[in-house]
Amino acid sequence: MEDAGPGVPAELRETIFRPFEQGPERSAHSPGVGIGLSLVGRFASLHGGRAWVEDRPGGGASFRVWLPDGPPASTGGPGAARHPGAGRASAKPEDPSARAASA
């Protein structure tokens, strides 16, 4: 995505991808709360990719996302092979809290 605004200063290019962070140039009437770019960055990371912003030739900012052609090799991300018990909590059967939690 590209815009023709003031751009993003180099010192804020990582900050704006953190949850609830916004640049100082935002409008007082802006409906955002600063989670959009953090979600974009997180989703890209979960898929083995990344998101970033760079200067746009002629002014403004260019927001970029790169995703690999296939699933991440060993991150357990989307598309990764999973065994039947993956993602489940395990506890010893004699642990009473385990029985209560599964009820």
Protein backbone atom coordinates (compact mmCIF):
# COMPACT_ATOMS: atom_id res chain seq x y z
CA MET A 1 0.00 0.00 0.00
CA GLU A 2 1.36 3.41 -0.84
CA ASP A 3 0.39 6.93 0.14
CA ALA A 4 1.49 10.45 -0.72
CA GLY A 5 1.54 11.73 2.88
CA PRO A 6 4.50 12.93 4.91
CA GLY A 7 6.13 9.48 5.03
CA VAL A 8 7.34 7.63 8.13
CA PRO A 9 10.52 8.85 9.83
CA ALA A 10 13.24 6.20 10.06
CA GLU A 11 13.11 6.21 13.88
CA LEU A 12 9.40 5.21 13.82
CA ARG A 13 9.50 2.48 11.17
CA GLU A 14 9.65 -0.34 13.71
CA THR A 15 7.57 1.39 16.37
CA ILE A 16 4.44 1.69 14.22
CA PHE A 17 4.30 -2.10 13.90
CA ARG A 18 3.93 -2.47 17.69
CA PRO A 19 0.39 -2.78 19.13
CA PHE A 20 -1.28 0.53 20.05
CA GLU A 21 1.58 2.65 18.69
CA GLN A 22 0.90 5.45 16.23
CA GLY A 23 3.02 8.09 14.61
CA PRO A 24 2.95 11.69 15.87
CA GLU A 25 1.42 12.99 12.63
CA ARG A 26 -1.90 11.20 13.07
CA SER A 27 -5.10 13.20 12.81
CA ALA A 28 -7.16 13.93 15.93
CA HIS A 29 -10.12 12.58 13.97
CA SER A 30 -8.40 9.31 13.10
CA PRO A 31 -10.59 6.36 14.09
CA GLY A 32 -7.63 3.99 14.51
CA VAL A 33 -6.15 2.80 17.78
CA GLY A 34 -2.85 1.46 16.47
CA ILE A 35 -3.46 -2.24 16.00
CA GLY A 36 -3.75 -2.55 12.21
CA LEU A 37 -0.06 -2.56 11.33
CA SER A 38 0.78 -4.74 14.33
CA LEU A 39 -1.70 -7.34 13.05
CA VAL A 40 -0.29 -7.15 9.53
CA GLY A 41 3.23 -7.66 10.90
CA ARG A 42 2.16 -10.52 13.18
CA PHE A 43 0.22 -12.36 10.47
CA ALA A 44 3.13 -12.00 8.05
CA SER A 45 5.50 -13.36 10.72
CA LEU A 46 3.21 -16.32 11.47
CA HIS A 47 3.38 -17.24 7.80
CA GLY A 48 7.17 -16.98 7.69
CA GLY A 49 7.22 -13.53 6.11
CA ARG A 50 7.60 -9.94 7.22
CA ALA A 51 6.04 -6.49 6.93
CA TRP A 52 7.84 -3.15 6.75
CA VAL A 53 7.55 0.42 5.56
CA GLU A 54 9.93 2.35 3.33
CA ASP A 55 10.09 5.72 1.63
CA ARG A 56 8.10 6.07 -1.55
CA PRO A 57 9.89 7.66 -4.51
CA GLY A 58 8.46 11.15 -4.86
CA GLY A 59 7.31 11.30 -1.21
CA GLY A 60 5.05 9.35 1.07
CA ALA A 61 5.34 5.83 2.41
CA SER A 62 5.22 2.38 0.88
CA PHE A 63 3.96 -0.38 3.20
CA ARG A 64 5.21 -3.78 2.10
CA VAL A 65 4.48 -7.40 2.99
CA TRP A 66 6.52 -10.39 1.90
CA LEU A 67 5.27 -13.96 2.26
CA PRO A 68 7.14 -17.12 1.25
CA ASP A 69 5.83 -19.40 -1.50
CA GLY A 70 5.24 -22.27 0.93
CA PRO A 71 4.65 -22.99 4.60
CA PRO A 72 7.36 -22.16 7.14
CA ALA A 73 9.78 -25.06 7.53
CA SER A 74 9.86 -25.50 11.29
CA THR A 75 7.70 -22.86 12.95
CA GLY A 76 4.54 -24.92 13.23
CA GLY A 77 2.78 -22.17 11.33
CA PRO A 78 -0.16 -22.52 8.97
CA GLY A 79 0.23 -25.52 6.71
CA ALA A 80 2.91 -27.14 8.86
CA ALA A 81 2.51 -30.85 9.59
CA ARG A 82 0.92 -31.52 12.97
CA HIS A 83 0.51 -34.66 14.98
CA PRO A 84 -2.92 -35.49 16.49
CA GLY A 85 -2.05 -34.20 19.97
CA ALA A 86 -0.48 -30.92 18.84
CA GLY A 87 -1.75 -27.89 20.69
CA ARG A 88 -3.35 -29.89 23.50
CA ALA A 89 -2.35 -29.56 27.12
CA SER A 90 -1.14 -32.75 28.73
CA ALA A 91 -1.32 -33.69 32.38
CA LYS A 92 -0.84 -36.85 34.37
CA PRO A 93 -4.16 -38.71 34.91
CA GLU A 94 -3.72 -38.68 38.69
CA ASP A 95 -3.64 -34.86 38.72
CA PRO A 96 -7.14 -33.80 39.98
CA SER A 97 -6.84 -30.37 38.37
CA ALA A 98 -6.41 -32.03 34.99
CA ARG A 99 -9.72 -33.84 35.39
CA ALA A 100 -11.47 -30.65 36.47
CA ALA A 101 -10.04 -28.70 33.54
CA SER A 102 -11.19 -31.28 30.99
CA ALA A 103 -14.74 -31.50 32.38
